[in-house]
Amino acid sequence: MSVARPPAEDSNPEPKRGRMKIRPALSFFNEHKVGTVQPHDNALVVTLKIGGYDVKRMLVDQGSGAEVMYPDLYEGLRLKPEDLACYDSPLVGFNGKVVIPNGKIKLPVQAGLKVVEVDFIVVDAYFPYTAIVAKP
């Protein structure tokens, strides 16, 4: 008579988990909401560190397909025209007008402790913010 043996198991088995992409969320505590009317649809404007500089008036646009930088920021970071890589795909602005980019540039962006390389499309247009970034 033979005895069936169970299959060999690891001495430290880990449960199998489905693969899912975890996206960090922007969140705020109740004290951050003081003085605001909830719910709201105001723009989220933040300060981020770009190329080692604190950059204010950065618009976070959840629907943005591209990160956009405007001339004031480009010049403020002391970047030169030769720093730009070629980018010839036109963009459509919030006002519906087509804008031809000056080029693109990859820069380190820091939010909290995390630093990521971001490709900014540089456009010569007026906008009340220094740049547009997608939700980090």
N, C-alpha and C. Protein backbone atom coordinates (compact mmCIF):
# COMPACT_ATOMS: atom_id res chain seq x y z
N MET A 1 0.84 -1.15 0.00
CA MET A 1 0.00 0.00 0.00
C MET A 1 0.90 1.23 0.00
N SER A 2 0.58 2.22 -0.87
CA SER A 2 1.39 3.43 -0.95
C SER A 2 0.64 4.59 -0.32
N VAL A 3 1.40 5.49 0.25
CA VAL A 3 0.82 6.66 0.91
C VAL A 3 1.09 7.87 0.03
N ALA A 4 0.04 8.61 -0.27
CA ALA A 4 0.21 9.82 -1.07
C ALA A 4 0.81 10.93 -0.22
N ARG A 5 1.82 11.56 -0.80
CA ARG A 5 2.48 12.66 -0.07
C ARG A 5 1.99 14.01 -0.64
N PRO A 6 1.82 14.95 0.24
CA PRO A 6 1.44 16.28 -0.26
C PRO A 6 2.61 16.89 -1.02
N PRO A 7 2.33 17.80 -1.97
CA PRO A 7 3.43 18.43 -2.72
C PRO A 7 4.34 19.22 -1.79
N ALA A 8 5.61 19.27 -2.16
CA ALA A 8 6.59 20.01 -1.35
C ALA A 8 6.21 21.48 -1.35
N GLU A 9 6.34 22.09 -0.20
CA GLU A 9 6.01 23.50 -0.06
C GLU A 9 7.23 24.26 0.42
N ASP A 10 7.25 25.57 0.08
CA ASP A 10 8.34 26.42 0.58
C ASP A 10 8.22 26.52 2.09
N SER A 11 9.36 26.70 2.73
CA SER A 11 9.32 26.86 4.18
C SER A 11 8.74 28.22 4.57
N ASN A 12 8.75 29.16 3.63
CA ASN A 12 8.20 30.49 3.91
C ASN A 12 7.23 30.88 2.78
N PRO A 13 6.10 30.23 2.70
CA PRO A 13 5.19 30.54 1.59
C PRO A 13 4.58 31.93 1.73
N GLU A 14 4.47 32.65 0.62
CA GLU A 14 3.82 33.95 0.61
C GLU A 14 2.53 33.83 -0.17
N PRO A 15 1.49 34.48 0.28
CA PRO A 15 0.24 34.39 -0.46
C PRO A 15 0.38 35.05 -1.82
N LYS A 16 -0.29 34.47 -2.81
CA LYS A 16 -0.26 35.06 -4.14
C LYS A 16 -1.19 36.25 -4.17
N ARG A 17 -0.74 37.30 -4.83
CA ARG A 17 -1.54 38.51 -4.92
C ARG A 17 -1.67 38.90 -6.38
N GLY A 18 -2.81 39.42 -6.72
CA GLY A 18 -2.99 39.93 -8.07
C GLY A 18 -2.14 41.17 -8.26
N ARG A 19 -1.69 41.37 -9.47
CA ARG A 19 -0.87 42.54 -9.75
C ARG A 19 -1.78 43.75 -9.93
N MET A 20 -1.47 44.78 -9.20
CA MET A 20 -2.21 46.01 -9.36
C MET A 20 -1.26 47.18 -9.20
N LYS A 21 -1.50 48.19 -9.98
CA LYS A 21 -0.65 49.36 -9.92
C LYS A 21 -1.17 50.28 -8.83
N ILE A 22 -0.32 50.60 -7.89
CA ILE A 22 -0.71 51.48 -6.80
C ILE A 22 -0.26 52.89 -7.17
N ARG A 23 -1.21 53.78 -7.20
CA ARG A 23 -0.91 55.17 -7.52
C ARG A 23 -0.96 55.99 -6.24
N PRO A 24 0.07 56.80 -6.02
CA PRO A 24 0.02 57.65 -4.83
C PRO A 24 -1.09 58.67 -4.98
N ALA A 25 -1.75 58.99 -3.92
CA ALA A 25 -2.85 59.94 -3.95
C ALA A 25 -2.44 61.24 -3.28
N LEU A 26 -2.93 62.34 -3.81
CA LEU A 26 -2.77 63.60 -3.11
C LEU A 26 -3.87 63.64 -2.07
N SER A 27 -3.52 63.90 -0.85
CA SER A 27 -4.53 63.94 0.19
C SER A 27 -4.25 65.10 1.13
N PHE A 28 -5.31 65.52 1.80
CA PHE A 28 -5.23 66.65 2.70
C PHE A 28 -5.91 66.30 4.01
N PHE A 29 -5.42 66.88 5.08
CA PHE A 29 -6.04 66.71 6.39
C PHE A 29 -7.14 67.76 6.54
N ASN A 30 -8.00 67.57 7.51
CA ASN A 30 -9.10 68.51 7.73
C ASN A 30 -8.62 69.93 7.98
N GLU A 31 -7.47 70.08 8.64
CA GLU A 31 -6.97 71.44 8.90
C GLU A 31 -6.58 72.17 7.61
N HIS A 32 -6.28 71.41 6.53
CA HIS A 32 -5.98 72.04 5.25
C HIS A 32 -7.24 72.60 4.59
N LYS A 33 -8.40 72.12 4.99
CA LYS A 33 -9.66 72.52 4.37
C LYS A 33 -10.29 73.74 5.04
N VAL A 34 -9.70 74.20 6.12
CA VAL A 34 -10.26 75.34 6.85
C VAL A 34 -10.34 76.54 5.90
N GLY A 35 -11.51 77.18 5.87
CA GLY A 35 -11.70 78.35 5.03
C GLY A 35 -12.14 78.03 3.62
N THR A 36 -12.37 76.75 3.31
CA THR A 36 -12.85 76.38 1.98
C THR A 36 -14.28 75.88 2.07
N VAL A 37 -15.00 75.99 0.99
CA VAL A 37 -16.35 75.46 0.91
C VAL A 37 -16.26 74.11 0.23
N GLN A 38 -16.78 73.09 0.85
CA GLN A 38 -16.69 71.72 0.33
C GLN A 38 -18.04 71.25 -0.17
N PRO A 39 -18.19 70.46 -1.20
CA PRO A 39 -17.12 70.12 -2.14
C PRO A 39 -16.80 71.32 -3.02
N HIS A 40 -15.63 71.30 -3.64
CA HIS A 40 -15.23 72.43 -4.48
C HIS A 40 -14.64 71.92 -5.79
N ASP A 41 -14.50 72.83 -6.74
CA ASP A 41 -13.88 72.47 -8.01
C ASP A 41 -12.77 73.46 -8.35
N ASN A 42 -12.16 74.00 -7.31
CA ASN A 42 -11.05 74.93 -7.49
C ASN A 42 -9.83 74.21 -8.06
N ALA A 43 -8.99 74.97 -8.74
CA ALA A 43 -7.75 74.41 -9.26
C ALA A 43 -6.82 74.06 -8.11
N LEU A 44 -6.07 72.96 -8.28
CA LEU A 44 -5.06 72.59 -7.30
C LEU A 44 -3.74 73.21 -7.76
N VAL A 45 -3.24 74.14 -6.97
CA VAL A 45 -2.01 74.84 -7.29
C VAL A 45 -1.01 74.54 -6.19
N VAL A 46 0.18 74.07 -6.57
CA VAL A 46 1.17 73.63 -5.61
C VAL A 46 2.53 74.26 -5.90
N THR A 47 3.44 74.08 -4.96
CA THR A 47 4.85 74.44 -5.14
C THR A 47 5.63 73.14 -5.24
N LEU A 48 6.43 73.00 -6.29
CA LEU A 48 7.28 71.82 -6.48
C LEU A 48 8.72 72.28 -6.67
N LYS A 49 9.64 71.40 -6.41
CA LYS A 49 11.06 71.70 -6.65
C LYS A 49 11.41 71.17 -8.04
N ILE A 50 11.84 72.09 -8.92
CA ILE A 50 12.22 71.72 -10.28
C ILE A 50 13.66 72.17 -10.50
N GLY A 51 14.50 71.24 -10.89
CA GLY A 51 15.90 71.58 -11.14
C GLY A 51 16.57 72.23 -9.95
N GLY A 52 16.13 71.87 -8.73
CA GLY A 52 16.73 72.42 -7.52
C GLY A 52 16.11 73.71 -7.03
N TYR A 53 15.12 74.26 -7.74
CA TYR A 53 14.47 75.51 -7.35
C TYR A 53 13.03 75.25 -6.93
N ASP A 54 12.57 75.97 -5.89
CA ASP A 54 11.16 75.92 -5.51
C ASP A 54 10.37 76.73 -6.52
N VAL A 55 9.42 76.08 -7.18
CA VAL A 55 8.62 76.74 -8.21
C VAL A 55 7.18 76.81 -7.73
N LYS A 56 6.67 78.03 -7.62
CA LYS A 56 5.31 78.25 -7.14
C LYS A 56 4.35 78.36 -8.32
N ARG A 57 3.06 78.30 -8.01
CA ARG A 57 1.98 78.43 -8.99
C ARG A 57 2.02 77.35 -10.06
N MET A 58 2.24 76.11 -9.63
CA MET A 58 2.19 74.96 -10.54
C MET A 58 0.76 74.42 -10.53
N LEU A 59 0.12 74.39 -11.68
CA LEU A 59 -1.24 73.89 -11.78
C LEU A 59 -1.20 72.37 -11.96
N VAL A 60 -1.90 71.65 -11.10
CA VAL A 60 -2.02 70.19 -11.25
C VAL A 60 -3.31 69.92 -11.99
N ASP A 61 -3.20 69.38 -13.20
CA ASP A 61 -4.35 69.12 -14.05
C ASP A 61 -4.49 67.62 -14.24
N GLN A 62 -5.53 67.03 -13.64
CA GLN A 62 -5.73 65.58 -13.73
C GLN A 62 -5.93 65.10 -15.15
N GLY A 63 -6.47 65.95 -16.02
CA GLY A 63 -6.75 65.53 -17.38
C GLY A 63 -5.65 65.87 -18.36
N SER A 64 -4.56 66.43 -17.87
CA SER A 64 -3.50 66.86 -18.77
C SER A 64 -2.76 65.67 -19.38
N GLY A 65 -2.56 65.74 -20.68
CA GLY A 65 -1.80 64.70 -21.37
C GLY A 65 -0.34 65.04 -21.49
N ALA A 66 0.04 66.24 -21.05
CA ALA A 66 1.42 66.68 -21.17
C ALA A 66 1.75 67.65 -20.05
N GLU A 67 3.02 67.70 -19.68
CA GLU A 67 3.51 68.69 -18.74
C GLU A 67 3.99 69.88 -19.57
N VAL A 68 3.52 71.07 -19.22
CA VAL A 68 3.80 72.26 -20.02
C VAL A 68 4.50 73.29 -19.16
N MET A 69 5.51 73.93 -19.73
CA MET A 69 6.26 74.98 -19.05
C MET A 69 6.15 76.25 -19.88
N TYR A 70 6.00 77.38 -19.17
CA TYR A 70 5.85 78.67 -19.82
C TYR A 70 7.15 79.47 -19.72
N PRO A 71 7.31 80.51 -20.57
CA PRO A 71 8.59 81.22 -20.68
C PRO A 71 9.15 81.78 -19.38
N ASP A 72 8.30 82.31 -18.50
CA ASP A 72 8.82 82.88 -17.25
C ASP A 72 9.58 81.84 -16.43
N LEU A 73 9.04 80.64 -16.35
CA LEU A 73 9.72 79.58 -15.60
C LEU A 73 10.99 79.14 -16.32
N TYR A 74 10.90 78.96 -17.62
CA TYR A 74 12.06 78.53 -18.40
C TYR A 74 13.24 79.49 -18.20
N GLU A 75 12.95 80.78 -18.31
CA GLU A 75 13.99 81.79 -18.13
C GLU A 75 14.44 81.87 -16.67
N GLY A 76 13.49 81.70 -15.73
CA GLY A 76 13.81 81.75 -14.31
C GLY A 76 14.74 80.62 -13.88
N LEU A 77 14.64 79.49 -14.56
CA LEU A 77 15.52 78.36 -14.26
C LEU A 77 16.88 78.50 -14.96
N ARG A 78 17.07 79.61 -15.65
CA ARG A 78 18.31 79.93 -16.38
C ARG A 78 18.63 78.90 -17.46
N LEU A 79 17.58 78.42 -18.12
CA LEU A 79 17.76 77.47 -19.21
C LEU A 79 17.96 78.25 -20.50
N LYS A 80 18.68 77.65 -21.42
CA LYS A 80 19.01 78.30 -22.69
C LYS A 80 18.29 77.60 -23.83
N PRO A 81 18.11 78.28 -24.95
CA PRO A 81 17.44 77.64 -26.11
C PRO A 81 18.13 76.34 -26.54
N GLU A 82 19.44 76.26 -26.39
CA GLU A 82 20.15 75.05 -26.80
C GLU A 82 19.90 73.87 -25.85
N ASP A 83 19.29 74.12 -24.69
CA ASP A 83 18.92 73.05 -23.76
C ASP A 83 17.68 72.28 -24.22
N LEU A 84 16.95 72.84 -25.16
CA LEU A 84 15.70 72.23 -25.64
C LEU A 84 15.95 71.13 -26.66
N ALA A 85 15.18 70.07 -26.55
CA ALA A 85 15.15 69.03 -27.58
C ALA A 85 14.01 69.37 -28.53
N CYS A 86 14.07 68.87 -29.72
CA CYS A 86 13.05 69.14 -30.73
C CYS A 86 11.71 68.52 -30.31
N TYR A 87 10.64 69.28 -30.49
CA TYR A 87 9.28 68.79 -30.27
C TYR A 87 8.39 69.60 -31.19
N ASP A 88 7.86 68.95 -32.21
CA ASP A 88 7.13 69.71 -33.23
C ASP A 88 5.64 69.38 -33.33
N SER A 89 5.09 68.77 -32.31
CA SER A 89 3.67 68.44 -32.32
C SER A 89 2.88 69.61 -31.72
N PRO A 90 1.95 70.22 -32.45
CA PRO A 90 1.22 71.36 -31.91
C PRO A 90 0.31 70.96 -30.75
N LEU A 91 0.06 71.92 -29.86
CA LEU A 91 -0.82 71.71 -28.71
C LEU A 91 -2.04 72.62 -28.86
N VAL A 92 -3.14 72.19 -28.27
CA VAL A 92 -4.33 73.03 -28.24
C VAL A 92 -4.50 73.52 -26.81
N GLY A 93 -4.53 74.83 -26.63
CA GLY A 93 -4.62 75.43 -25.32
C GLY A 93 -6.03 75.37 -24.76
N PHE A 94 -6.18 75.83 -23.51
CA PHE A 94 -7.49 75.85 -22.87
C PHE A 94 -8.46 76.75 -23.64
N ASN A 95 -7.92 77.76 -24.33
CA ASN A 95 -8.76 78.68 -25.07
C ASN A 95 -9.10 78.16 -26.47
N GLY A 96 -8.62 76.97 -26.83
CA GLY A 96 -8.91 76.37 -28.13
C GLY A 96 -7.92 76.76 -29.22
N LYS A 97 -6.98 77.64 -28.92
CA LYS A 97 -5.99 78.06 -29.91
C LYS A 97 -4.85 77.05 -30.00
N VAL A 98 -4.33 76.88 -31.20
CA VAL A 98 -3.20 75.98 -31.43
C VAL A 98 -1.91 76.72 -31.09
N VAL A 99 -1.04 76.05 -30.34
CA VAL A 99 0.24 76.62 -29.93
C VAL A 99 1.35 75.71 -30.45
N ILE A 100 2.35 76.30 -31.08
CA ILE A 100 3.51 75.55 -31.56
C ILE A 100 4.58 75.59 -30.47
N PRO A 101 4.98 74.43 -29.93
CA PRO A 101 6.00 74.41 -28.86
C PRO A 101 7.37 74.87 -29.33
N ASN A 102 8.13 75.42 -28.41
CA ASN A 102 9.53 75.78 -28.67
C ASN A 102 10.42 74.54 -28.64
N GLY A 103 10.00 73.51 -27.91
CA GLY A 103 10.77 72.28 -27.76
C GLY A 103 10.37 71.60 -26.46
N LYS A 104 11.17 70.62 -26.05
CA LYS A 104 10.91 69.96 -24.77
C LYS A 104 12.21 69.81 -24.01
N ILE A 105 12.07 69.62 -22.70
CA ILE A 105 13.23 69.48 -21.84
C ILE A 105 12.88 68.55 -20.68
N LYS A 106 13.82 67.71 -20.30
CA LYS A 106 13.63 66.78 -19.18
C LYS A 106 14.31 67.37 -17.96
N LEU A 107 13.52 67.50 -16.87
CA LEU A 107 14.04 68.08 -15.63
C LEU A 107 13.61 67.25 -14.43
N PRO A 108 14.43 67.23 -13.37
CA PRO A 108 14.01 66.54 -12.15
C PRO A 108 12.97 67.37 -11.40
N VAL A 109 11.90 66.72 -10.98
CA VAL A 109 10.84 67.37 -10.21
C VAL A 109 10.70 66.63 -8.89
N GLN A 110 10.72 67.38 -7.79
CA GLN A 110 10.60 66.79 -6.46
C GLN A 110 9.29 67.20 -5.83
N ALA A 111 8.53 66.18 -5.38
CA ALA A 111 7.31 66.39 -4.61
C ALA A 111 7.48 65.58 -3.34
N GLY A 112 7.62 66.25 -2.22
CA GLY A 112 7.91 65.54 -0.98
C GLY A 112 9.30 64.95 -1.06
N LEU A 113 9.43 63.66 -0.79
CA LEU A 113 10.73 62.99 -0.85
C LEU A 113 11.00 62.35 -2.20
N LYS A 114 9.99 62.30 -3.05
CA LYS A 114 10.13 61.60 -4.33
C LYS A 114 10.59 62.55 -5.44
N VAL A 115 11.59 62.12 -6.20
CA VAL A 115 12.09 62.89 -7.33
C VAL A 115 11.87 62.07 -8.59
N VAL A 116 11.25 62.68 -9.61
CA VAL A 116 11.03 62.01 -10.89
C VAL A 116 11.49 62.91 -12.02
N GLU A 117 11.90 62.31 -13.11
CA GLU A 117 12.28 63.05 -14.30
C GLU A 117 11.00 63.33 -15.10
N VAL A 118 10.79 64.59 -15.47
CA VAL A 118 9.58 64.98 -16.18
C VAL A 118 9.97 65.65 -17.49
N ASP A 119 9.30 65.25 -18.57
CA ASP A 119 9.48 65.90 -19.87
C ASP A 119 8.49 67.06 -19.97
N PHE A 120 9.01 68.28 -19.95
CA PHE A 120 8.17 69.47 -20.10
C PHE A 120 8.19 69.92 -21.55
N ILE A 121 7.03 70.26 -22.06
CA ILE A 121 6.93 70.89 -23.37
C ILE A 121 6.92 72.39 -23.11
N VAL A 122 7.83 73.10 -23.74
CA VAL A 122 7.99 74.53 -23.51
C VAL A 122 7.22 75.28 -24.59
N VAL A 123 6.29 76.12 -24.17
CA VAL A 123 5.49 76.90 -25.12
C VAL A 123 5.62 78.38 -24.80
N ASP A 124 5.58 79.19 -25.83
CA ASP A 124 5.65 80.63 -25.68
C ASP A 124 4.23 81.17 -25.73
N ALA A 125 3.57 81.13 -24.58
CA ALA A 125 2.18 81.59 -24.48
C ALA A 125 1.96 82.12 -23.09
N TYR A 126 0.94 82.95 -22.94
CA TYR A 126 0.62 83.48 -21.61
C TYR A 126 -0.26 82.48 -20.87
N PHE A 127 0.02 82.30 -19.57
CA PHE A 127 -0.81 81.49 -18.71
C PHE A 127 -0.57 81.98 -17.29
N PRO A 128 -1.59 82.06 -16.45
CA PRO A 128 -1.39 82.62 -15.11
C PRO A 128 -0.55 81.73 -14.18
N TYR A 129 -0.28 80.49 -14.59
CA TYR A 129 0.54 79.59 -13.79
C TYR A 129 1.89 79.44 -14.45
N THR A 130 2.89 78.96 -13.70
CA THR A 130 4.23 78.82 -14.27
C THR A 130 4.37 77.55 -15.10
N ALA A 131 3.56 76.54 -14.77
CA ALA A 131 3.62 75.28 -15.51
C ALA A 131 2.35 74.47 -15.20
N ILE A 132 2.11 73.48 -16.05
CA ILE A 132 1.02 72.53 -15.82
C ILE A 132 1.66 71.17 -15.68
N VAL A 133 1.28 70.45 -14.63
CA VAL A 133 1.76 69.08 -14.44
C VAL A 133 0.55 68.16 -14.26
N ALA A 134 0.73 66.91 -14.67
CA ALA A 134 -0.31 65.91 -14.42
C ALA A 134 -0.24 65.53 -12.95
N LYS A 135 -1.28 64.91 -12.44
CA LYS A 135 -1.29 64.51 -11.04
C LYS A 135 -0.12 63.56 -10.79
N PRO A 136 0.72 63.90 -9.76
CA PRO A 136 1.90 63.07 -9.51
C PRO A 136 1.57 61.65 -9.09
